[in-house]
N, C-alpha and C. Protein backbone atom coordinates (compact mmCIF):
# COMPACT_ATOMS: atom_id res chain seq x y z
N MET A 1 24.41 -6.62 13.78
CA MET A 1 23.99 -5.18 14.14
C MET A 1 23.79 -4.52 12.88
N ALA A 2 22.17 -3.49 13.44
CA ALA A 2 21.57 -3.18 12.27
C ALA A 2 21.80 -2.47 11.31
N ARG A 3 21.39 -1.96 9.98
CA ARG A 3 22.53 -1.44 8.85
C ARG A 3 21.43 0.30 9.17
N PRO A 4 21.87 1.16 8.91
CA PRO A 4 21.65 2.49 9.23
C PRO A 4 20.15 2.79 7.95
N ILE A 5 19.58 3.47 8.56
CA ILE A 5 18.20 3.82 7.92
C ILE A 5 18.51 4.96 6.90
N ARG A 6 18.22 4.80 5.50
CA ARG A 6 18.88 5.95 4.37
C ARG A 6 18.00 7.05 4.62
N GLU A 7 17.84 7.86 4.36
CA GLU A 7 17.12 9.10 3.94
C GLU A 7 16.31 9.12 2.71
N THR A 8 14.59 9.78 3.40
CA THR A 8 13.69 9.48 2.15
C THR A 8 14.06 10.65 1.15
N PRO A 9 13.87 10.15 -0.14
CA PRO A 9 14.59 10.85 -1.31
C PRO A 9 13.41 12.17 -1.23
N VAL A 10 13.83 12.85 -1.73
CA VAL A 10 12.64 14.19 -2.61
C VAL A 10 12.24 13.62 -3.49
N LEU A 11 10.78 13.66 -3.46
CA LEU A 11 10.33 13.58 -4.95
C LEU A 11 10.09 14.75 -5.10
N LYS A 12 10.46 14.41 -6.93
CA LYS A 12 10.78 15.98 -8.08
C LYS A 12 9.47 15.99 -9.11
N GLY A 13 9.28 16.77 -9.83
CA GLY A 13 8.95 16.45 -10.77
C GLY A 13 7.46 15.81 -11.12
N GLU A 14 7.80 14.75 -12.43
CA GLU A 14 6.06 13.79 -12.19
C GLU A 14 6.00 13.08 -10.93
N ASP A 15 7.30 12.74 -10.44
CA ASP A 15 6.96 11.87 -9.29
C ASP A 15 6.33 12.42 -8.62
N ALA A 16 6.60 13.73 -7.85
CA ALA A 16 6.06 14.23 -6.85
C ALA A 16 4.54 14.80 -7.60
N PHE A 17 4.00 14.82 -8.46
CA PHE A 17 2.79 14.69 -9.01
C PHE A 17 1.82 14.06 -8.43
N ASN A 18 2.44 12.95 -9.51
CA ASN A 18 1.15 11.52 -9.29
C ASN A 18 1.48 11.35 -7.74
N PHE A 19 2.03 11.17 -7.04
CA PHE A 19 2.05 11.05 -5.58
C PHE A 19 1.26 11.82 -4.88
N GLU A 20 1.14 13.13 -5.66
CA GLU A 20 0.34 14.14 -4.74
C GLU A 20 -1.18 13.96 -5.34
N MET A 21 -1.15 13.46 -6.57
CA MET A 21 -2.79 13.01 -7.20
C MET A 21 -3.00 11.41 -6.65
N ARG A 22 -2.41 10.84 -6.06
CA ARG A 22 -2.89 9.04 -5.10
C ARG A 22 -3.43 10.11 -4.05
N ARG A 23 -2.44 10.64 -3.35
CA ARG A 23 -2.65 11.20 -2.30
C ARG A 23 -4.08 11.71 -1.80
N LEU A 24 -4.15 12.56 -2.83
CA LEU A 24 -5.86 13.45 -2.99
C LEU A 24 -6.86 11.99 -3.14
N GLU A 25 -6.75 11.11 -4.54
CA GLU A 25 -7.83 10.12 -4.66
C GLU A 25 -8.33 9.40 -3.28
N VAL A 26 -6.89 9.41 -2.47
CA VAL A 26 -7.05 8.62 -1.20
C VAL A 26 -8.27 9.00 -0.34
N GLU A 27 -7.85 10.14 0.16
CA GLU A 27 -8.67 11.11 0.76
C GLU A 27 -10.36 11.55 0.65
N ASN A 28 -10.37 11.17 -0.95
CA ASN A 28 -11.91 11.47 -0.82
C ASN A 28 -12.43 10.14 -1.29
N MET A 29 -12.74 9.21 -0.83
CA MET A 29 -12.49 7.88 -0.99
C MET A 29 -13.57 7.27 0.11
N SER A 30 -15.21 7.33 -0.24
CA SER A 30 -15.99 7.12 0.90
C SER A 30 -15.71 6.25 2.00
N LYS A 31 -16.50 5.63 3.01
CA LYS A 31 -16.19 4.59 3.59
C LYS A 31 -16.39 3.59 3.08
N GLU A 32 -17.69 3.22 1.70
CA GLU A 32 -18.01 2.16 1.12
C GLU A 32 -17.16 1.74 0.13
N GLN A 33 -16.16 2.54 -0.50
CA GLN A 33 -15.06 2.64 -1.06
C GLN A 33 -13.73 1.81 -0.38
N ARG A 34 -13.38 2.53 0.96
CA ARG A 34 -12.25 2.06 1.57
C ARG A 34 -12.76 0.92 2.05
N ALA A 35 -13.90 0.22 2.80
CA ALA A 35 -14.98 -1.05 3.08
C ALA A 35 -14.19 -2.35 1.73
N GLU A 36 -14.53 -1.77 0.40
CA GLU A 36 -14.26 -2.73 -0.78
C GLU A 36 -13.01 -2.74 -0.32
N ASN A 37 -11.80 -1.29 -0.64
CA ASN A 37 -10.82 -1.77 -0.76
C ASN A 37 -10.26 -2.81 0.38
N LEU A 38 -10.87 -2.76 1.45
CA LEU A 38 -10.28 -3.29 2.48
C LEU A 38 -10.51 -4.91 2.06
N ARG A 39 -11.64 -4.93 1.60
CA ARG A 39 -12.53 -6.22 1.47
C ARG A 39 -11.59 -7.44 0.60
N LYS A 40 -11.10 -6.28 -0.74
CA LYS A 40 -9.95 -7.16 -1.74
C LYS A 40 -8.77 -7.52 -1.05
N VAL A 41 -8.38 -6.36 -0.59
CA VAL A 41 -6.93 -7.39 0.72
C VAL A 41 -7.12 -7.84 0.67
N GLU A 42 -7.67 -7.81 1.67
CA GLU A 42 -8.17 -9.51 2.84
C GLU A 42 -8.61 -10.40 2.07
N GLU A 43 -8.97 -10.67 0.81
CA GLU A 43 -9.19 -11.18 0.25
C GLU A 43 -7.73 -12.48 -0.64
N GLY A 44 -7.30 -11.25 -1.49
CA GLY A 44 -5.90 -11.38 -1.51
C GLY A 44 -4.88 -12.18 -0.83
N TYR A 45 -4.76 -11.43 0.69
CA TYR A 45 -4.16 -11.85 1.40
C TYR A 45 -4.28 -13.59 2.07
N ALA A 46 -5.47 -13.79 1.82
CA ALA A 46 -6.11 -15.54 2.24
C ALA A 46 -5.68 -15.94 0.98
N ARG A 47 -6.15 -15.63 -0.35
CA ARG A 47 -5.52 -15.99 -1.34
C ARG A 47 -4.42 -16.51 -1.56
N ALA A 48 -3.47 -15.88 -1.19
CA ALA A 48 -1.88 -16.07 -0.90
C ALA A 48 -1.62 -16.67 0.42
N LYS A 49 -2.31 -16.22 1.28
CA LYS A 49 -1.58 -17.35 2.37
C LYS A 49 -1.99 -18.82 1.90
N SER A 50 -3.19 -19.18 1.14
CA SER A 50 -3.34 -20.35 1.27
C SER A 50 -2.58 -21.36 -0.07
N TYR A 51 -1.83 -20.92 -0.76
CA TYR A 51 -0.60 -21.00 -1.65
C TYR A 51 0.60 -21.64 -0.50
N ILE A 52 0.56 -20.71 0.28
CA ILE A 52 1.71 -20.90 1.59
C ILE A 52 2.03 -22.08 2.38
N ASN A 53 2.71 -23.10 2.22
CA ASN A 53 2.92 -23.40 3.37
C ASN A 53 4.42 -23.43 4.19
N PHE A 54 3.71 -23.34 5.80
CA PHE A 54 5.19 -22.81 6.57
C PHE A 54 5.42 -24.31 7.03
N HIS A 55 6.31 -24.82 7.36
CA HIS A 55 7.14 -25.87 8.04
C HIS A 55 8.07 -25.37 9.53
N TRP A 56 7.46 -25.81 10.54
CA TRP A 56 8.55 -24.99 11.20
C TRP A 56 8.82 -26.17 11.92
């Protein structure tokens, strides 16, 4: 049986401020910046995947 999902906590104070600042940074990214971030994530994923061996 699945566990119940806990409620999402409300951010307050400095945590709320930091969250909002990071949210605004992401919204202001250009298409080139988004593409570069995606490329970096995909490279990291490929590198991590190369270290893992699955034995089914």
